Amino acid sequence: MSVEFRIEPVYVDLPTVAMITTLAGSTIQAMVTRNEFPAPRELSGRRVGWLYTEIVEWATSRPRSTMLPPPNTGAKKPRRAPSPESGT
């Protein structure tokens, strides 16, 4: 019988916060400046990280949206014409 352990991260870096929240890093930094997002914590002299539980708490505190996502038209994205430099 094996026992599985699940370890949640304690701190996460900006790229991970961006991935978790689906926000751009620059948006997160601007929101921190406006006190709209949890601020990072000092981990060492030149290293900061966001407390994972604060990110989850922020995410679950967000209000529900009344906007629906845009409909998917099913249209394919147009292909870009090959450039003369590429030789194709």
Protein backbone atom coordinates (compact mmCIF):
# COMPACT_ATOMS: atom_id res chain seq x y z
CA MET A 1 0.00 0.00 0.00
CA SER A 2 1.53 3.29 -1.06
CA VAL A 3 0.79 6.63 0.52
CA GLU A 4 0.63 9.72 -1.67
CA PHE A 5 1.57 13.13 -0.38
CA ARG A 6 0.49 16.33 -2.02
CA ILE A 7 2.69 19.28 -1.22
CA GLU A 8 1.35 22.71 -2.15
CA PRO A 9 3.93 25.34 -2.97
CA VAL A 10 4.54 27.90 -0.27
CA TYR A 11 5.91 30.66 -2.50
CA VAL A 12 5.67 31.11 -6.25
CA ASP A 13 7.53 33.41 -8.63
CA LEU A 14 6.00 35.95 -11.02
CA PRO A 15 5.84 33.63 -14.07
CA THR A 16 4.01 31.03 -11.97
CA VAL A 17 1.61 33.65 -10.55
CA ALA A 18 0.92 34.78 -14.12
CA MET A 19 0.25 31.19 -15.19
CA ILE A 20 -2.01 30.48 -12.19
CA THR A 21 -4.09 33.64 -12.65
CA THR A 22 -3.92 33.84 -16.48
CA LEU A 23 -2.85 37.48 -16.09
CA ALA A 24 0.23 39.03 -17.66
CA GLY A 25 3.16 39.67 -15.37
CA SER A 26 2.96 43.40 -16.13
CA THR A 27 -0.74 43.40 -15.18
CA ILE A 28 0.05 41.69 -11.88
CA GLN A 29 2.79 44.21 -11.11
CA ALA A 30 0.47 47.13 -11.92
CA MET A 31 -2.27 45.62 -9.73
CA VAL A 32 0.19 45.21 -6.84
CA THR A 33 1.13 48.90 -7.20
CA ARG A 34 -2.58 49.83 -7.00
CA ASN A 35 -3.11 47.50 -3.98
CA GLU A 36 -5.48 45.35 -6.06
CA PHE A 37 -3.39 42.19 -5.81
CA PRO A 38 -1.35 40.59 -2.99
CA ALA A 39 2.15 42.01 -2.75
CA PRO A 40 5.15 39.70 -3.00
CA ARG A 41 7.11 38.82 0.12
CA GLU A 42 10.83 39.25 0.58
CA LEU A 43 12.50 35.85 0.59
CA SER A 44 16.12 37.00 0.62
CA GLY A 45 18.11 40.12 -0.20
CA ARG A 46 17.21 40.11 -3.90
CA ARG A 47 14.47 37.50 -4.16
CA VAL A 48 10.71 37.88 -3.73
CA GLY A 49 7.83 35.46 -4.06
CA TRP A 50 4.08 35.42 -3.68
CA LEU A 51 2.55 33.40 -0.90
CA TYR A 52 0.56 30.72 -2.72
CA THR A 53 -2.33 30.77 -0.23
CA GLU A 54 -2.73 34.54 -0.71
CA ILE A 55 -2.98 34.06 -4.48
CA VAL A 56 -5.64 31.38 -4.04
CA GLU A 57 -7.51 33.56 -1.53
CA TRP A 58 -7.41 36.52 -3.94
CA ALA A 59 -8.67 34.33 -6.80
CA THR A 60 -11.58 32.92 -4.82
CA SER A 61 -12.55 36.41 -3.60
CA ARG A 62 -12.99 37.73 -7.14
CA PRO A 63 -16.62 38.59 -7.97
CA ARG A 64 -18.54 36.44 -10.40
CA SER A 65 -18.72 37.95 -13.86
CA THR A 66 -21.95 38.88 -15.58
CA MET A 67 -20.16 38.84 -18.95
CA LEU A 68 -20.33 35.72 -21.03
CA PRO A 69 -17.30 34.59 -22.98
CA PRO A 70 -17.45 35.52 -26.68
CA PRO A 71 -18.91 32.86 -28.94
CA ASN A 72 -16.49 30.61 -30.76
CA THR A 73 -17.08 31.10 -34.45
CA GLY A 74 -15.09 28.02 -35.35
CA ALA A 75 -13.22 30.06 -37.95
CA LYS A 76 -9.66 29.04 -38.56
CA LYS A 77 -6.94 31.62 -38.21
CA PRO A 78 -5.57 32.72 -41.58
CA ARG A 79 -2.15 31.43 -42.48
CA ARG A 80 0.58 33.95 -42.92
CA ALA A 81 2.15 34.15 -46.33
CA PRO A 82 5.72 32.87 -46.37
CA SER A 83 8.31 35.62 -46.32
CA PRO A 84 10.76 35.92 -49.23
CA GLU A 85 13.65 35.62 -46.76
CA SER A 86 12.54 32.18 -45.58
CA GLY A 87 12.82 30.69 -49.06
CA THR A 88 9.48 28.83 -48.72
